[in-house]
């Protein structure tokens, strides 16, 4: 199943034969031009993700798993990105550098 952002997503469950135990499976496939944002979003915990999003906001941007966009404030005080272009950053390190956040290896991202 694709989305407007070009990210293919599958959400499902894995079951084990003879057992009632189930595990949720989330698979996402990102196009190369937004791959770094997906990696940053999915290799950190919620504390790091909030910190990165707040840092992006302080610089006038909105960060999510599909990119870093110039932020525009819409009706109701909600932040949106309608008609804005994604920043062209191709590595996780470039995302951290742009935000001014010290680099963290993926295994260090559970703050």
C-alpha atoms as a PDB file:
ATOM      1  CA  UNK A   1       0.000   0.000   0.000  1.00  0.00           C
ATOM      2  CA  UNK A   2       1.584   3.312  -1.058  1.00  0.00           C
ATOM      3  CA  UNK A   3       1.005   6.802   0.271  1.00  0.00           C
ATOM      4  CA  UNK A   4       1.275  10.319  -1.098  1.00  0.00           C
ATOM      5  CA  UNK A   5       4.775  10.586   0.371  1.00  0.00           C
ATOM      6  CA  UNK A   6       5.982   7.615  -1.683  1.00  0.00           C
ATOM      7  CA  UNK A   7       6.441   5.424   1.396  1.00  0.00           C
ATOM      8  CA  UNK A   8       5.152   1.881   1.004  1.00  0.00           C
ATOM      9  CA  UNK A   9       3.706   0.619   4.273  1.00  0.00           C
ATOM     10  CA  UNK A  10       2.498  -2.720   5.603  1.00  0.00           C
ATOM     11  CA  UNK A  11       1.060  -3.240   9.071  1.00  0.00           C
ATOM     12  CA  UNK A  12       0.293  -6.785  10.075  1.00  0.00           C
ATOM     13  CA  UNK A  13       0.619  -9.542  12.636  1.00  0.00           C
ATOM     14  CA  UNK A  14       2.864 -12.550  12.923  1.00  0.00           C
ATOM     15  CA  UNK A  15       1.507 -15.652  14.560  1.00  0.00           C
ATOM     16  CA  UNK A  16       3.379 -18.708  15.730  1.00  0.00           C
ATOM     17  CA  UNK A  17       1.945 -22.142  14.855  1.00  0.00           C
ATOM     18  CA  UNK A  18       0.469 -23.831  17.913  1.00  0.00           C
ATOM     19  CA  UNK A  19       0.761 -20.690  20.063  1.00  0.00           C
ATOM     20  CA  UNK A  20      -1.582 -17.793  20.704  1.00  0.00           C
ATOM     21  CA  UNK A  21       1.308 -15.345  20.837  1.00  0.00           C
ATOM     22  CA  UNK A  22       1.144 -12.644  18.166  1.00  0.00           C
ATOM     23  CA  UNK A  23       3.541  -9.852  17.276  1.00  0.00           C
ATOM     24  CA  UNK A  24       2.789  -6.725  15.329  1.00  0.00           C
ATOM     25  CA  UNK A  25       4.872  -6.150  12.207  1.00  0.00           C
ATOM     26  CA  UNK A  26       5.363  -2.713  10.668  1.00  0.00           C
ATOM     27  CA  UNK A  27       7.245  -2.587   7.378  1.00  0.00           C
ATOM     28  CA  UNK A  28       8.042   0.678   5.636  1.00  0.00           C
ATOM     29  CA  UNK A  29       9.967   1.107   2.401  1.00  0.00           C
ATOM     30  CA  UNK A  30      11.248   4.632   1.743  1.00  0.00           C
ATOM     31  CA  UNK A  31      12.408   6.157  -1.533  1.00  0.00           C
ATOM     32  CA  UNK A  32      16.111   7.001  -1.490  1.00  0.00           C
ATOM     33  CA  UNK A  33      15.524  10.774  -1.350  1.00  0.00           C
ATOM     34  CA  UNK A  34      13.725  10.541   2.029  1.00  0.00           C
ATOM     35  CA  UNK A  35      15.381   7.373   3.373  1.00  0.00           C
ATOM     36  CA  UNK A  36      17.511   9.267   5.938  1.00  0.00           C
ATOM     37  CA  UNK A  37      14.402  10.759   7.559  1.00  0.00           C
ATOM     38  CA  UNK A  38      12.819   7.323   7.875  1.00  0.00           C
ATOM     39  CA  UNK A  39      15.976   5.966   9.497  1.00  0.00           C
ATOM     40  CA  UNK A  40      16.133   8.830  11.985  1.00  0.00           C
ATOM     41  CA  UNK A  41      12.463   8.420  12.888  1.00  0.00           C
ATOM     42  CA  UNK A  42      12.540   4.648  13.326  1.00  0.00           C
ATOM     43  CA  UNK A  43      15.901   4.195  15.067  1.00  0.00           C
ATOM     44  CA  UNK A  44      15.222   6.471  18.011  1.00  0.00           C
ATOM     45  CA  UNK A  45      12.742   6.331  20.843  1.00  0.00           C
ATOM     46  CA  UNK A  46       9.926   8.810  21.430  1.00  0.00           C
ATOM     47  CA  UNK A  47      12.124  11.053  23.615  1.00  0.00           C
ATOM     48  CA  UNK A  48      14.693  11.527  20.848  1.00  0.00           C
ATOM     49  CA  UNK A  49      12.015  11.976  18.184  1.00  0.00           C
ATOM     50  CA  UNK A  50      10.323  14.722  20.229  1.00  0.00           C
ATOM     51  CA  UNK A  51      13.666  16.410  20.837  1.00  0.00           C
ATOM     52  CA  UNK A  52      14.474  16.397  17.114  1.00  0.00           C
ATOM     53  CA  UNK A  53      11.014  17.675  16.151  1.00  0.00           C
ATOM     54  CA  UNK A  54      11.228  20.489  18.717  1.00  0.00           C
ATOM     55  CA  UNK A  55      14.682  21.425  17.457  1.00  0.00           C
ATOM     56  CA  UNK A  56      13.316  21.518  13.901  1.00  0.00           C
ATOM     57  CA  UNK A  57      10.416  23.713  15.055  1.00  0.00           C
ATOM     58  CA  UNK A  58      12.823  26.126  16.732  1.00  0.00           C
ATOM     59  CA  UNK A  59      14.499  26.556  13.331  1.00  0.00           C
ATOM     60  CA  UNK A  60      11.175  27.079  11.529  1.00  0.00           C
ATOM     61  CA  UNK A  61      10.806  23.555  10.140  1.00  0.00           C
ATOM     62  CA  UNK A  62       8.611  20.509  10.617  1.00  0.00           C
ATOM     63  CA  UNK A  63      10.287  17.099  10.841  1.00  0.00           C
ATOM     64  CA  UNK A  64       8.676  13.723  10.300  1.00  0.00           C
ATOM     65  CA  UNK A  65       9.669  10.369   8.837  1.00  0.00           C
ATOM     66  CA  UNK A  66       9.202  11.687   5.282  1.00  0.00           C
ATOM     67  CA  UNK A  67      11.279  14.839   5.477  1.00  0.00           C
ATOM     68  CA  UNK A  68      12.151  18.223   6.892  1.00  0.00           C
ATOM     69  CA  UNK A  69       9.859  20.957   5.617  1.00  0.00           C
ATOM     70  CA  UNK A  70       9.663  24.724   6.108  1.00  0.00           C
ATOM     71  CA  UNK A  71       6.882  25.097   8.666  1.00  0.00           C
ATOM     72  CA  UNK A  72       3.803  27.161   7.991  1.00  0.00           C
ATOM     73  CA  UNK A  73       1.187  27.815  10.627  1.00  0.00           C
ATOM     74  CA  UNK A  74      -2.304  27.136   9.404  1.00  0.00           C
ATOM     75  CA  UNK A  75      -5.748  27.615  10.852  1.00  0.00           C
ATOM     76  CA  UNK A  76      -6.299  26.446  14.393  1.00  0.00           C
ATOM     77  CA  UNK A  77      -2.605  26.916  15.206  1.00  0.00           C
ATOM     78  CA  UNK A  78      -1.665  23.635  13.525  1.00  0.00           C
ATOM     79  CA  UNK A  79       1.652  23.370  11.716  1.00  0.00           C
ATOM     80  CA  UNK A  80       1.488  22.301   8.122  1.00  0.00           C
ATOM     81  CA  UNK A  81       3.626  22.080   5.030  1.00  0.00           C
ATOM     82  CA  UNK A  82       1.176  22.567   2.204  1.00  0.00           C
ATOM     83  CA  UNK A  83       3.031  23.442  -0.968  1.00  0.00           C
ATOM     84  CA  UNK A  84       6.464  23.420   0.649  1.00  0.00           C
ATOM     85  CA  UNK A  85       9.492  21.491  -0.547  1.00  0.00           C
ATOM     86  CA  UNK A  86      11.352  18.875   1.448  1.00  0.00           C
ATOM     87  CA  UNK A  87      14.917  19.759   2.480  1.00  0.00           C
ATOM     88  CA  UNK A  88      17.426  17.727   0.491  1.00  0.00           C
ATOM     89  CA  UNK A  89      19.366  15.845   3.153  1.00  0.00           C
ATOM     90  CA  UNK A  90      20.534  12.356   2.239  1.00  0.00           C
ATOM     91  CA  UNK A  91      22.142  10.926   5.383  1.00  0.00           C
ATOM     92  CA  UNK A  92      21.172  10.675   9.023  1.00  0.00           C
ATOM     93  CA  UNK A  93      24.279  12.682   9.924  1.00  0.00           C
ATOM     94  CA  UNK A  94      23.143  15.521   7.625  1.00  0.00           C
ATOM     95  CA  UNK A  95      19.783  15.606   9.438  1.00  0.00           C
ATOM     96  CA  UNK A  96      21.461  15.774  12.860  1.00  0.00           C
ATOM     97  CA  UNK A  97      23.953  18.412  11.624  1.00  0.00           C
ATOM     98  CA  UNK A  98      21.228  20.585  10.104  1.00  0.00           C
ATOM     99  CA  UNK A  99      19.287  20.485  13.370  1.00  0.00           C
ATOM    100  CA  UNK A 100      22.408  21.216  15.424  1.00  0.00           C
ATOM    101  CA  UNK A 101      22.041  18.010  17.429  1.00  0.00           C
ATOM    102  CA  UNK A 102      25.169  16.014  18.311  1.00  0.00           C
ATOM    103  CA  UNK A 103      25.455  12.849  16.230  1.00  0.00           C
ATOM    104  CA  UNK A 104      24.181   9.659  17.842  1.00  0.00           C
ATOM    105  CA  UNK A 105      24.847   6.216  16.447  1.00  0.00           C
ATOM    106  CA  UNK A 106      21.618   4.223  15.995  1.00  0.00           C
ATOM    107  CA  UNK A 107      22.338   2.098  19.080  1.00  0.00           C
ATOM    108  CA  UNK A 108      22.664   5.327  21.165  1.00  0.00           C
ATOM    109  CA  UNK A 109      19.262   6.757  20.201  1.00  0.00           C
ATOM    110  CA  UNK A 110      17.155   5.487  23.084  1.00  0.00           C
ATOM    111  CA  UNK A 111      17.396   8.509  25.357  1.00  0.00           C
END
